[in-house]
């Protein structure tokens, strides 16, 4: 496409009026200038669309797209469909980025002829000015495809976050990859994107600032989110098995499943304590075990599309007939 930008930045917005201007300004201040910003208003009921619209009038690289509320995945997918850049990146609108975020990731992709690049990130605490680096053992340079895949699938050293990475747009468009409508959608998606990438470039700088605030997904793990966490693990196994590649990534999938099993034990016990309801805690812990063994079983049969978990958790405080899955 003539005059297409090098990079498309997809920025979903929903109830972020407190953080949005900071995010937009951090993008505008980029030292790399050849980009477009697709602001996807996901039916936000607050002043976020007004803030975004006013900002766009001062910089034509920024455009607002209004759509009915469909969730984060739907907003990202909406942006993917409309992205014109050779590369694409996703930024969460309560976060912000270093002025060299786009430049560094783009130059790494070009230097190493890589379809993907990632950087390190810091936790940011709004209103305090405090930023704390998220510990990382990654070294700058390139990571062999097989190593990157095993790290990402097992959630070891390399995580599935959508937002601290730059991708060749064709990875999504040519392979029909989109984010599913679920919690932990990035876990269900990032390994698929990396599978089709030639290699991963690693930038040894902290360039993304992730806003730590109350109400994060991991901080409010109810039974629906616990189920979707498992579903994201299963989706990786299912996808590789459909490709005939499961044996190749089986150790990484099993390693992540073991980690998810332990995290979910903690989350289940915590939920029952918070609700002062222990009637079904044993049931939920047993269900957690059943799902773990289901995912790593040699008898598992892959299905087309996003797989379902054939077990249901019971949210504390609800009857057995009123479940979240």
C-alpha atoms as a PDB file:
ATOM      1  CA  UNK A   1       0.000   0.000   0.000  1.00  0.00           C
ATOM      2  CA  UNK A   2       1.346   3.399  -1.015  1.00  0.00           C
ATOM      3  CA  UNK A   3       2.476   5.578   1.879  1.00  0.00           C
ATOM      4  CA  UNK A   4       1.667   2.835   4.367  1.00  0.00           C
ATOM      5  CA  UNK A   5       3.401   3.379   7.724  1.00  0.00           C
ATOM      6  CA  UNK A   6       6.085   1.005   8.931  1.00  0.00           C
ATOM      7  CA  UNK A   7       4.301   0.307  12.216  1.00  0.00           C
ATOM      8  CA  UNK A   8       0.647   0.101  13.228  1.00  0.00           C
ATOM      9  CA  UNK A   9      -0.025   0.683  16.925  1.00  0.00           C
ATOM     10  CA  UNK A  10      -3.306  -0.866  18.111  1.00  0.00           C
ATOM     11  CA  UNK A  11      -4.655   0.823  21.237  1.00  0.00           C
ATOM     12  CA  UNK A  12      -7.989  -0.450  22.647  1.00  0.00           C
ATOM     13  CA  UNK A  13      -9.674   1.942  25.074  1.00  0.00           C
ATOM     14  CA  UNK A  14     -12.311   1.179  27.692  1.00  0.00           C
ATOM     15  CA  UNK A  15     -12.765   3.054  30.976  1.00  0.00           C
ATOM     16  CA  UNK A  16      -9.221   4.455  31.014  1.00  0.00           C
ATOM     17  CA  UNK A  17      -9.845   8.207  31.234  1.00  0.00           C
ATOM     18  CA  UNK A  18      -7.444   8.418  34.189  1.00  0.00           C
ATOM     19  CA  UNK A  19      -4.517   6.952  32.235  1.00  0.00           C
ATOM     20  CA  UNK A  20      -5.243   7.597  28.565  1.00  0.00           C
ATOM     21  CA  UNK A  21      -3.573  10.967  28.023  1.00  0.00           C
ATOM     22  CA  UNK A  22      -0.320   9.692  29.538  1.00  0.00           C
ATOM     23  CA  UNK A  23      -0.415   6.710  27.180  1.00  0.00           C
ATOM     24  CA  UNK A  24      -1.175   8.815  24.091  1.00  0.00           C
ATOM     25  CA  UNK A  25       1.578  11.298  24.876  1.00  0.00           C
ATOM     26  CA  UNK A  26       4.116   8.506  25.350  1.00  0.00           C
ATOM     27  CA  UNK A  27       3.269   7.259  21.856  1.00  0.00           C
ATOM     28  CA  UNK A  28       3.395  10.741  20.342  1.00  0.00           C
ATOM     29  CA  UNK A  29       6.870  11.305  21.820  1.00  0.00           C
ATOM     30  CA  UNK A  30       8.377   8.314  20.046  1.00  0.00           C
ATOM     31  CA  UNK A  31      11.759   8.891  18.420  1.00  0.00           C
ATOM     32  CA  UNK A  32      10.554   6.633  15.594  1.00  0.00           C
ATOM     33  CA  UNK A  33       8.036   8.650  13.580  1.00  0.00           C
ATOM     34  CA  UNK A  34       6.721   6.382  10.799  1.00  0.00           C
ATOM     35  CA  UNK A  35       3.691   4.889  12.504  1.00  0.00           C
ATOM     36  CA  UNK A  36      -0.095   5.016  12.717  1.00  0.00           C
ATOM     37  CA  UNK A  37      -2.159   4.648  15.878  1.00  0.00           C
ATOM     38  CA  UNK A  38      -5.488   2.862  15.689  1.00  0.00           C
ATOM     39  CA  UNK A  39      -7.421   3.827  18.820  1.00  0.00           C
ATOM     40  CA  UNK A  40     -10.215   1.296  19.171  1.00  0.00           C
ATOM     41  CA  UNK A  41     -13.016   2.706  21.316  1.00  0.00           C
ATOM     42  CA  UNK A  42     -14.639  -0.458  22.622  1.00  0.00           C
ATOM     43  CA  UNK A  43     -17.864   1.261  23.633  1.00  0.00           C
ATOM     44  CA  UNK A  44     -16.227   3.044  26.568  1.00  0.00           C
ATOM     45  CA  UNK A  45     -18.867   4.816  28.737  1.00  0.00           C
ATOM     46  CA  UNK A  46     -16.463   7.330  30.315  1.00  0.00           C
ATOM     47  CA  UNK A  47     -14.557  10.307  28.863  1.00  0.00           C
ATOM     48  CA  UNK A  48     -11.964   8.140  27.127  1.00  0.00           C
ATOM     49  CA  UNK A  49     -13.452   8.615  23.608  1.00  0.00           C
ATOM     50  CA  UNK A  50     -13.597  12.388  24.132  1.00  0.00           C
ATOM     51  CA  UNK A  51      -9.953  12.494  25.244  1.00  0.00           C
ATOM     52  CA  UNK A  52      -8.895  10.345  22.300  1.00  0.00           C
ATOM     53  CA  UNK A  53     -10.894  12.397  19.787  1.00  0.00           C
ATOM     54  CA  UNK A  54      -9.404  15.657  21.005  1.00  0.00           C
ATOM     55  CA  UNK A  55      -5.906  14.188  20.815  1.00  0.00           C
ATOM     56  CA  UNK A  56      -6.445  12.928  17.256  1.00  0.00           C
ATOM     57  CA  UNK A  57      -7.308  16.388  16.022  1.00  0.00           C
ATOM     58  CA  UNK A  58      -3.774  17.514  16.863  1.00  0.00           C
ATOM     59  CA  UNK A  59      -1.968  14.563  15.253  1.00  0.00           C
ATOM     60  CA  UNK A  60      -3.246  12.914  12.068  1.00  0.00           C
ATOM     61  CA  UNK A  61      -1.310   9.713  12.749  1.00  0.00           C
ATOM     62  CA  UNK A  62      -3.866   8.973  15.472  1.00  0.00           C
ATOM     63  CA  UNK A  63      -7.358   7.795  14.480  1.00  0.00           C
ATOM     64  CA  UNK A  64     -10.327   6.703  16.569  1.00  0.00           C
ATOM     65  CA  UNK A  65     -12.522   3.788  15.557  1.00  0.00           C
ATOM     66  CA  UNK A  66     -15.798   3.442  17.454  1.00  0.00           C
ATOM     67  CA  UNK A  67     -17.392   0.051  17.959  1.00  0.00           C
ATOM     68  CA  UNK A  68     -19.797  -1.684  20.308  1.00  0.00           C
ATOM     69  CA  UNK A  69     -18.279  -3.187  23.420  1.00  0.00           C
ATOM     70  CA  UNK A  70     -16.861  -6.616  22.681  1.00  0.00           C
ATOM     71  CA  UNK A  71     -13.927  -6.918  25.032  1.00  0.00           C
ATOM     72  CA  UNK A  72     -10.168  -6.561  24.696  1.00  0.00           C
ATOM     73  CA  UNK A  73      -9.703  -9.413  22.229  1.00  0.00           C
ATOM     74  CA  UNK A  74     -12.417  -8.125  19.943  1.00  0.00           C
ATOM     75  CA  UNK A  75     -10.881  -4.637  20.002  1.00  0.00           C
ATOM     76  CA  UNK A  76      -7.425  -5.970  19.163  1.00  0.00           C
ATOM     77  CA  UNK A  77      -8.838  -8.057  16.331  1.00  0.00           C
ATOM     78  CA  UNK A  78     -10.676  -4.996  15.013  1.00  0.00           C
ATOM     79  CA  UNK A  79      -7.333  -3.201  14.910  1.00  0.00           C
ATOM     80  CA  UNK A  80      -5.539  -6.094  13.205  1.00  0.00           C
ATOM     81  CA  UNK A  81      -8.095  -6.038  10.387  1.00  0.00           C
ATOM     82  CA  UNK A  82      -7.479  -2.326   9.764  1.00  0.00           C
ATOM     83  CA  UNK A  83      -3.721  -2.145  10.334  1.00  0.00           C
ATOM     84  CA  UNK A  84      -1.707  -0.948   7.323  1.00  0.00           C
ATOM     85  CA  UNK A  85       1.804  -1.154   8.751  1.00  0.00           C
ATOM     86  CA  UNK A  86       4.432  -3.742   7.907  1.00  0.00           C
ATOM     87  CA  UNK A  87       4.737  -4.288  11.654  1.00  0.00           C
ATOM     88  CA  UNK A  88       2.132  -4.192  14.399  1.00  0.00           C
ATOM     89  CA  UNK A  89       2.263  -3.686  18.153  1.00  0.00           C
ATOM     90  CA  UNK A  90      -0.379  -3.661  20.889  1.00  0.00           C
ATOM     91  CA  UNK A  91      -0.407  -1.238  23.793  1.00  0.00           C
ATOM     92  CA  UNK A  92      -2.835  -1.376  26.709  1.00  0.00           C
ATOM     93  CA  UNK A  93      -4.211   2.110  27.256  1.00  0.00           C
ATOM     94  CA  UNK A  94      -3.543   2.239  30.996  1.00  0.00           C
ATOM     95  CA  UNK A  95       0.145   1.559  30.281  1.00  0.00           C
ATOM     96  CA  UNK A  96       2.759   3.755  28.580  1.00  0.00           C
ATOM     97  CA  UNK A  97       6.000   3.309  26.662  1.00  0.00           C
ATOM     98  CA  UNK A  98       9.560   4.646  26.601  1.00  0.00           C
ATOM     99  CA  UNK A  99      10.292   7.144  23.835  1.00  0.00           C
ATOM    100  CA  UNK A 100      12.555   4.559  22.137  1.00  0.00           C
ATOM    101  CA  UNK A 101      10.065   1.672  22.297  1.00  0.00           C
ATOM    102  CA  UNK A 102       9.157   1.624  18.592  1.00  0.00           C
ATOM    103  CA  UNK A 103      12.635   2.592  17.369  1.00  0.00           C
ATOM    104  CA  UNK A 104      14.457  -0.074  19.346  1.00  0.00           C
ATOM    105  CA  UNK A 105      12.088  -2.910  18.494  1.00  0.00           C
ATOM    106  CA  UNK A 106      11.929  -1.950  14.820  1.00  0.00           C
ATOM    107  CA  UNK A 107      15.712  -1.652  14.492  1.00  0.00           C
ATOM    108  CA  UNK A 108      16.134  -5.033  16.182  1.00  0.00           C
ATOM    109  CA  UNK A 109      13.778  -6.663  13.669  1.00  0.00           C
ATOM    110  CA  UNK A 110      15.654  -5.069  10.763  1.00  0.00           C
ATOM    111  CA  UNK A 111      19.137  -5.764  12.123  1.00  0.00           C
ATOM    112  CA  UNK A 112      18.473  -9.443  12.759  1.00  0.00           C
ATOM    113  CA  UNK A 113      15.921  -9.963   9.966  1.00  0.00           C
ATOM    114  CA  UNK A 114      13.461 -11.108  12.647  1.00  0.00           C
ATOM    115  CA  UNK A 115       9.683 -11.353  12.337  1.00  0.00           C
ATOM    116  CA  UNK A 116       9.269 -10.549  16.035  1.00  0.00           C
ATOM    117  CA  UNK A 117      11.033  -8.548  18.730  1.00  0.00           C
ATOM    118  CA  UNK A 118      10.411  -8.169  22.451  1.00  0.00           C
ATOM    119  CA  UNK A 119      11.710  -5.940  25.223  1.00  0.00           C
ATOM    120  CA  UNK A 120      11.839  -5.966  28.994  1.00  0.00           C
ATOM    121  CA  UNK A 121       9.276  -4.057  31.023  1.00  0.00           C
ATOM    122  CA  UNK A 122       8.771  -2.254  34.301  1.00  0.00           C
ATOM    123  CA  UNK A 123       5.847  -2.113  36.695  1.00  0.00           C
ATOM    124  CA  UNK A 124       4.493   1.426  36.979  1.00  0.00           C
ATOM    125  CA  UNK A 125       2.450   2.830  39.869  1.00  0.00           C
ATOM    126  CA  UNK A 126       0.216   5.700  38.780  1.00  0.00           C
ATOM    127  CA  UNK A 127       0.587   8.966  40.679  1.00  0.00           C
ATOM    128  CA  UNK A 128       3.710   7.865  42.534  1.00  0.00           C
ATOM    129  CA  UNK A 129       6.355   8.116  39.813  1.00  0.00           C
ATOM    130  CA  UNK A 130       7.631   4.751  41.005  1.00  0.00           C
ATOM    131  CA  UNK A 131       8.766   2.177  38.451  1.00  0.00           C
ATOM    132  CA  UNK A 132      10.148  -1.245  39.311  1.00  0.00           C
ATOM    133  CA  UNK A 133      11.805  -3.529  36.745  1.00  0.00           C
ATOM    134  CA  UNK A 134      10.225  -6.905  36.237  1.00  0.00           C
ATOM    135  CA  UNK A 135      13.112  -9.366  36.714  1.00  0.00           C
ATOM    136  CA  UNK A 136      14.285 -10.810  33.403  1.00  0.00           C
ATOM    137  CA  UNK A 137      17.029 -13.245  32.471  1.00  0.00           C
ATOM    138  CA  UNK A 138      16.857 -12.545  28.755  1.00  0.00           C
ATOM    139  CA  UNK A 139      19.951 -11.318  26.964  1.00  0.00           C
ATOM    140  CA  UNK A 140      19.941  -8.977  24.002  1.00  0.00           C
ATOM    141  CA  UNK A 141      20.381 -10.381  20.496  1.00  0.00           C
ATOM    142  CA  UNK A 142      18.474 -13.130  18.755  1.00  0.00           C
ATOM    143  CA  UNK A 143      16.939 -16.244  20.193  1.00  0.00           C
ATOM    144  CA  UNK A 144      16.779 -19.421  18.099  1.00  0.00           C
ATOM    145  CA  UNK A 145      13.220 -20.268  17.111  1.00  0.00           C
ATOM    146  CA  UNK A 146      13.100 -23.580  18.962  1.00  0.00           C
ATOM    147  CA  UNK A 147      14.452 -22.067  22.173  1.00  0.00           C
ATOM    148  CA  UNK A 148      12.047 -19.135  21.977  1.00  0.00           C
ATOM    149  CA  UNK A 149       9.093 -21.465  21.444  1.00  0.00           C
ATOM    150  CA  UNK A 150      10.004 -23.657  24.408  1.00  0.00           C
ATOM    151  CA  UNK A 151      10.533 -20.641  26.654  1.00  0.00           C
ATOM    152  CA  UNK A 152       7.222 -19.066  25.627  1.00  0.00           C
ATOM    153  CA  UNK A 153       5.076 -22.209  25.752  1.00  0.00           C
ATOM    154  CA  UNK A 154       6.459 -23.177  29.173  1.00  0.00           C
ATOM    155  CA  UNK A 155       6.178 -19.578  30.472  1.00  0.00           C
ATOM    156  CA  UNK A 156       9.878 -19.684  31.389  1.00  0.00           C
ATOM    157  CA  UNK A 157      12.000 -16.549  30.832  1.00  0.00           C
ATOM    158  CA  UNK A 158       9.708 -15.513  27.960  1.00  0.00           C
ATOM    159  CA  UNK A 159       6.055 -14.659  28.628  1.00  0.00           C
ATOM    160  CA  UNK A 160       3.054 -14.457  26.302  1.00  0.00           C
ATOM    161  CA  UNK A 161       2.143 -10.806  26.978  1.00  0.00           C
ATOM    162  CA  UNK A 162       0.865  -9.225  23.771  1.00  0.00           C
ATOM    163  CA  UNK A 163       2.079  -5.741  24.606  1.00  0.00           C
ATOM    164  CA  UNK A 164       5.892  -5.738  24.946  1.00  0.00           C
ATOM    165  CA  UNK A 165       6.456  -7.041  21.437  1.00  0.00           C
ATOM    166  CA  UNK A 166       6.605  -5.956  17.804  1.00  0.00           C
ATOM    167  CA  UNK A 167       5.352  -8.351  15.128  1.00  0.00           C
ATOM    168  CA  UNK A 168       5.359  -8.588  11.364  1.00  0.00           C
ATOM    169  CA  UNK A 169       1.692  -7.906  10.597  1.00  0.00           C
ATOM    170  CA  UNK A 170       1.639 -10.785   8.129  1.00  0.00           C
ATOM    171  CA  UNK A 171       2.046 -13.245  11.018  1.00  0.00           C
ATOM    172  CA  UNK A 172      -1.529 -12.440  12.031  1.00  0.00           C
ATOM    173  CA  UNK A 173      -3.069 -11.787   8.632  1.00  0.00           C
ATOM    174  CA  UNK A 174      -1.460 -14.558   6.571  1.00  0.00           C
ATOM    175  CA  UNK A 175      -2.147 -17.239   9.198  1.00  0.00           C
ATOM    176  CA  UNK A 176      -5.609 -16.100  10.285  1.00  0.00           C
ATOM    177  CA  UNK A 177      -4.481 -15.598  13.893  1.00  0.00           C
ATOM    178  CA  UNK A 178      -6.792 -13.600  16.126  1.00  0.00           C
ATOM    179  CA  UNK A 179      -7.263 -13.191  19.870  1.00  0.00           C
ATOM    180  CA  UNK A 180     -10.005 -15.418  21.351  1.00  0.00           C
ATOM    181  CA  UNK A 181     -12.787 -14.020  23.536  1.00  0.00           C
ATOM    182  CA  UNK A 182     -11.564 -15.208  26.925  1.00  0.00           C
ATOM    183  CA  UNK A 183      -9.323 -14.246  29.808  1.00  0.00           C
ATOM    184  CA  UNK A 184      -5.602 -14.973  29.222  1.00  0.00           C
ATOM    185  CA  UNK A 185      -6.178 -14.542  25.514  1.00  0.00           C
ATOM    186  CA  UNK A 186      -2.515 -13.695  24.974  1.00  0.00           C
ATOM    187  CA  UNK A 187      -1.394 -17.125  26.233  1.00  0.00           C
ATOM    188  CA  UNK A 188      -3.737 -18.745  23.720  1.00  0.00           C
ATOM    189  CA  UNK A 189      -2.350 -16.559  20.912  1.00  0.00           C
ATOM    190  CA  UNK A 190       1.322 -15.629  21.322  1.00  0.00           C
ATOM    191  CA  UNK A 191       2.716 -19.133  20.853  1.00  0.00           C
ATOM    192  CA  UNK A 192       0.784 -19.400  17.582  1.00  0.00           C
ATOM    193  CA  UNK A 193       2.261 -16.139  16.322  1.00  0.00           C
ATOM    194  CA  UNK A 194       5.799 -17.095  17.334  1.00  0.00           C
ATOM    195  CA  UNK A 195       5.386 -20.523  15.707  1.00  0.00           C
ATOM    196  CA  UNK A 196       5.158 -18.831  12.302  1.00  0.00           C
ATOM    197  CA  UNK A 197       7.929 -16.289  12.980  1.00  0.00           C
ATOM    198  CA  UNK A 198      11.410 -16.982  11.638  1.00  0.00           C
ATOM    199  CA  UNK A 199      13.150 -15.846  14.816  1.00  0.00           C
ATOM    200  CA  UNK A 200      12.801 -13.586  17.852  1.00  0.00           C
ATOM    201  CA  UNK A 201      14.951 -10.520  18.488  1.00  0.00           C
ATOM    202  CA  UNK A 202      15.429  -9.599  22.155  1.00  0.00           C
ATOM    203  CA  UNK A 203      16.019  -5.980  23.206  1.00  0.00           C
ATOM    204  CA  UNK A 204      17.944  -5.703  26.442  1.00  0.00           C
ATOM    205  CA  UNK A 205      16.166  -2.525  27.593  1.00  0.00           C
ATOM    206  CA  UNK A 206      13.160  -1.755  29.783  1.00  0.00           C
ATOM    207  CA  UNK A 207      10.914   0.015  27.276  1.00  0.00           C
ATOM    208  CA  UNK A 208       7.349  -0.813  28.343  1.00  0.00           C
ATOM    209  CA  UNK A 209       5.693   0.414  31.546  1.00  0.00           C
ATOM    210  CA  UNK A 210       2.932  -1.856  32.788  1.00  0.00           C
ATOM    211  CA  UNK A 211       0.496  -0.189  35.159  1.00  0.00           C
ATOM    212  CA  UNK A 212       0.022  -2.129  38.366  1.00  0.00           C
ATOM    213  CA  UNK A 213      -3.407  -1.433  39.785  1.00  0.00           C
ATOM    214  CA  UNK A 214      -6.054  -3.135  41.860  1.00  0.00           C
ATOM    215  CA  UNK A 215      -8.430  -5.304  39.899  1.00  0.00           C
ATOM    216  CA  UNK A 216      -5.908  -6.981  37.598  1.00  0.00           C
ATOM    217  CA  UNK A 217      -6.867 -10.377  36.194  1.00  0.00           C
ATOM    218  CA  UNK A 218      -4.394 -12.323  38.336  1.00  0.00           C
ATOM    219  CA  UNK A 219      -5.321 -10.280  41.388  1.00  0.00           C
ATOM    220  CA  UNK A 220      -9.038 -11.096  41.101  1.00  0.00           C
ATOM    221  CA  UNK A 221      -8.946 -14.739  40.069  1.00  0.00           C
ATOM    222  CA  UNK A 222     -12.500 -16.041  40.281  1.00  0.00           C
ATOM    223  CA  UNK A 223     -13.553 -19.472  39.016  1.00  0.00           C
ATOM    224  CA  UNK A 224     -14.276 -18.228  35.489  1.00  0.00           C
ATOM    225  CA  UNK A 225     -10.759 -16.824  35.203  1.00  0.00           C
ATOM    226  CA  UNK A 226      -9.227 -19.964  36.697  1.00  0.00           C
ATOM    227  CA  UNK A 227     -11.081 -22.004  34.078  1.00  0.00           C
ATOM    228  CA  UNK A 228      -9.895 -19.710  31.279  1.00  0.00           C
ATOM    229  CA  UNK A 229      -6.338 -19.963  32.584  1.00  0.00           C
ATOM    230  CA  UNK A 230      -6.579 -23.705  32.126  1.00  0.00           C
ATOM    231  CA  UNK A 231      -8.256 -23.220  28.777  1.00  0.00           C
ATOM    232  CA  UNK A 232      -5.326 -21.107  27.578  1.00  0.00           C
ATOM    233  CA  UNK A 233      -2.932 -23.946  28.496  1.00  0.00           C
ATOM    234  CA  UNK A 234      -5.150 -26.480  26.744  1.00  0.00           C
ATOM    235  CA  UNK A 235      -5.383 -24.280  23.655  1.00  0.00           C
ATOM    236  CA  UNK A 236      -1.609 -24.526  23.206  1.00  0.00           C
ATOM    237  CA  UNK A 237      -1.629 -28.310  23.419  1.00  0.00           C
ATOM    238  CA  UNK A 238      -4.660 -28.535  21.142  1.00  0.00           C
ATOM    239  CA  UNK A 239      -3.137 -26.249  18.504  1.00  0.00           C
ATOM    240  CA  UNK A 240       0.189 -28.079  18.342  1.00  0.00           C
ATOM    241  CA  UNK A 241      -1.554 -31.452  18.271  1.00  0.00           C
ATOM    242  CA  UNK A 242      -3.684 -30.302  15.328  1.00  0.00           C
ATOM    243  CA  UNK A 243      -0.445 -29.331  13.543  1.00  0.00           C
ATOM    244  CA  UNK A 244       1.141 -32.683  14.330  1.00  0.00           C
ATOM    245  CA  UNK A 245       3.754 -30.887  16.442  1.00  0.00           C
ATOM    246  CA  UNK A 246       2.686 -31.816  19.964  1.00  0.00           C
ATOM    247  CA  UNK A 247       5.524 -34.246  20.697  1.00  0.00           C
ATOM    248  CA  UNK A 248       7.941 -31.468  19.809  1.00  0.00           C
ATOM    249  CA  UNK A 249       6.500 -29.111  22.444  1.00  0.00           C
ATOM    250  CA  UNK A 250       5.123 -31.660  24.901  1.00  0.00           C
ATOM    251  CA  UNK A 251       7.743 -31.003  27.647  1.00  0.00           C
ATOM    252  CA  UNK A 252       7.055 -27.237  27.468  1.00  0.00           C
ATOM    253  CA  UNK A 253       3.265 -27.706  27.579  1.00  0.00           C
ATOM    254  CA  UNK A 254       3.550 -30.070  30.544  1.00  0.00           C
ATOM    255  CA  UNK A 255       5.859 -27.665  32.367  1.00  0.00           C
ATOM    256  CA  UNK A 256       3.340 -24.837  31.977  1.00  0.00           C
ATOM    257  CA  UNK A 257       0.465 -27.132  32.985  1.00  0.00           C
ATOM    258  CA  UNK A 258       2.301 -28.030  36.199  1.00  0.00           C
ATOM    259  CA  UNK A 259       2.860 -24.336  36.922  1.00  0.00           C
ATOM    260  CA  UNK A 260      -0.809 -23.508  36.229  1.00  0.00           C
ATOM    261  CA  UNK A 261      -1.881 -26.353  38.518  1.00  0.00           C
ATOM    262  CA  UNK A 262       0.031 -24.843  41.427  1.00  0.00           C
ATOM    263  CA  UNK A 263      -1.123 -21.272  40.767  1.00  0.00           C
ATOM    264  CA  UNK A 264      -4.738 -22.406  40.578  1.00  0.00           C
ATOM    265  CA  UNK A 265      -4.517 -24.291  43.871  1.00  0.00           C
ATOM    266  CA  UNK A 266      -3.541 -21.018  45.529  1.00  0.00           C
ATOM    267  CA  UNK A 267      -6.298 -19.101  43.685  1.00  0.00           C
ATOM    268  CA  UNK A 268      -8.977 -21.648  44.592  1.00  0.00           C
ATOM    269  CA  UNK A 269      -8.094 -21.648  48.291  1.00  0.00           C
ATOM    270  CA  UNK A 270      -7.920 -17.840  48.271  1.00  0.00           C
ATOM    271  CA  UNK A 271     -11.366 -17.549  46.683  1.00  0.00           C
ATOM    272  CA  UNK A 272     -12.924 -19.776  49.322  1.00  0.00           C
ATOM    273  CA  UNK A 273     -11.247 -17.852  52.136  1.00  0.00           C
ATOM    274  CA  UNK A 274     -12.392 -14.506  50.697  1.00  0.00           C
ATOM    275  CA  UNK A 275     -16.004 -15.762  50.469  1.00  0.00           C
ATOM    276  CA  UNK A 276     -15.904 -17.549  53.860  1.00  0.00           C
ATOM    277  CA  UNK A 277     -17.335 -20.542  52.031  1.00  0.00           C
ATOM    278  CA  UNK A 278     -15.493 -23.877  52.249  1.00  0.00           C
ATOM    279  CA  UNK A 279     -18.325 -26.211  51.276  1.00  0.00           C
ATOM    280  CA  UNK A 280     -17.045 -26.908  47.759  1.00  0.00           C
ATOM    281  CA  UNK A 281     -13.349 -26.208  48.162  1.00  0.00           C
ATOM    282  CA  UNK A 282     -12.470 -29.923  48.003  1.00  0.00           C
ATOM    283  CA  UNK A 283     -14.621 -30.235  44.881  1.00  0.00           C
ATOM    284  CA  UNK A 284     -12.816 -27.339  43.177  1.00  0.00           C
ATOM    285  CA  UNK A 285      -9.382 -28.653  44.132  1.00  0.00           C
ATOM    286  CA  UNK A 286     -10.288 -32.068  42.744  1.00  0.00           C
ATOM    287  CA  UNK A 287     -11.592 -30.406  39.571  1.00  0.00           C
ATOM    288  CA  UNK A 288      -8.276 -28.574  39.260  1.00  0.00           C
ATOM    289  CA  UNK A 289      -6.489 -31.930  39.457  1.00  0.00           C
ATOM    290  CA  UNK A 290      -8.850 -33.457  36.886  1.00  0.00           C
ATOM    291  CA  UNK A 291      -8.184 -30.649  34.399  1.00  0.00           C
ATOM    292  CA  UNK A 292      -4.431 -30.926  34.869  1.00  0.00           C
ATOM    293  CA  UNK A 293      -4.477 -34.660  34.119  1.00  0.00           C
ATOM    294  CA  UNK A 294      -6.876 -34.125  31.208  1.00  0.00           C
ATOM    295  CA  UNK A 295      -4.512 -31.649  29.550  1.00  0.00           C
ATOM    296  CA  UNK A 296      -1.367 -33.771  29.886  1.00  0.00           C
ATOM    297  CA  UNK A 297      -3.085 -37.077  29.110  1.00  0.00           C
ATOM    298  CA  UNK A 298      -1.797 -39.099  26.170  1.00  0.00           C
ATOM    299  CA  UNK A 299      -5.450 -39.910  25.463  1.00  0.00           C
ATOM    300  CA  UNK A 300      -6.409 -36.314  24.686  1.00  0.00           C
ATOM    301  CA  UNK A 301      -8.106 -35.905  21.294  1.00  0.00           C
ATOM    302  CA  UNK A 302      -7.581 -32.544  19.581  1.00  0.00           C
ATOM    303  CA  UNK A 303     -10.524 -30.527  18.281  1.00  0.00           C
ATOM    304  CA  UNK A 304     -10.882 -27.756  15.738  1.00  0.00           C
ATOM    305  CA  UNK A 305     -10.940 -24.189  16.999  1.00  0.00           C
ATOM    306  CA  UNK A 306     -10.634 -23.171  20.623  1.00  0.00           C
ATOM    307  CA  UNK A 307     -11.112 -26.207  22.886  1.00  0.00           C
ATOM    308  CA  UNK A 308     -13.441 -26.319  25.878  1.00  0.00           C
ATOM    309  CA  UNK A 309     -12.622 -27.586  29.357  1.00  0.00           C
ATOM    310  CA  UNK A 310     -14.969 -30.545  30.142  1.00  0.00           C
ATOM    311  CA  UNK A 311     -15.001 -29.755  33.870  1.00  0.00           C
ATOM    312  CA  UNK A 312     -16.682 -26.941  35.768  1.00  0.00           C
ATOM    313  CA  UNK A 313     -15.598 -25.066  38.858  1.00  0.00           C
ATOM    314  CA  UNK A 314     -18.101 -23.806  41.424  1.00  0.00           C
ATOM    315  CA  UNK A 315     -17.788 -20.191  42.500  1.00  0.00           C
ATOM    316  CA  UNK A 316     -17.809 -19.983  46.322  1.00  0.00           C
ATOM    317  CA  UNK A 317     -21.099 -18.684  47.660  1.00  0.00           C
ATOM    318  CA  UNK A 318     -23.108 -20.186  44.796  1.00  0.00           C
ATOM    319  CA  UNK A 319     -25.031 -23.407  44.578  1.00  0.00           C
ATOM    320  CA  UNK A 320     -23.724 -26.275  42.433  1.00  0.00           C
ATOM    321  CA  UNK A 321     -26.337 -25.491  39.801  1.00  0.00           C
ATOM    322  CA  UNK A 322     -24.979 -21.963  39.396  1.00  0.00           C
ATOM    323  CA  UNK A 323     -21.452 -22.448  38.021  1.00  0.00           C
ATOM    324  CA  UNK A 324     -18.925 -20.393  36.140  1.00  0.00           C
ATOM    325  CA  UNK A 325     -16.849 -22.225  33.562  1.00  0.00           C
END
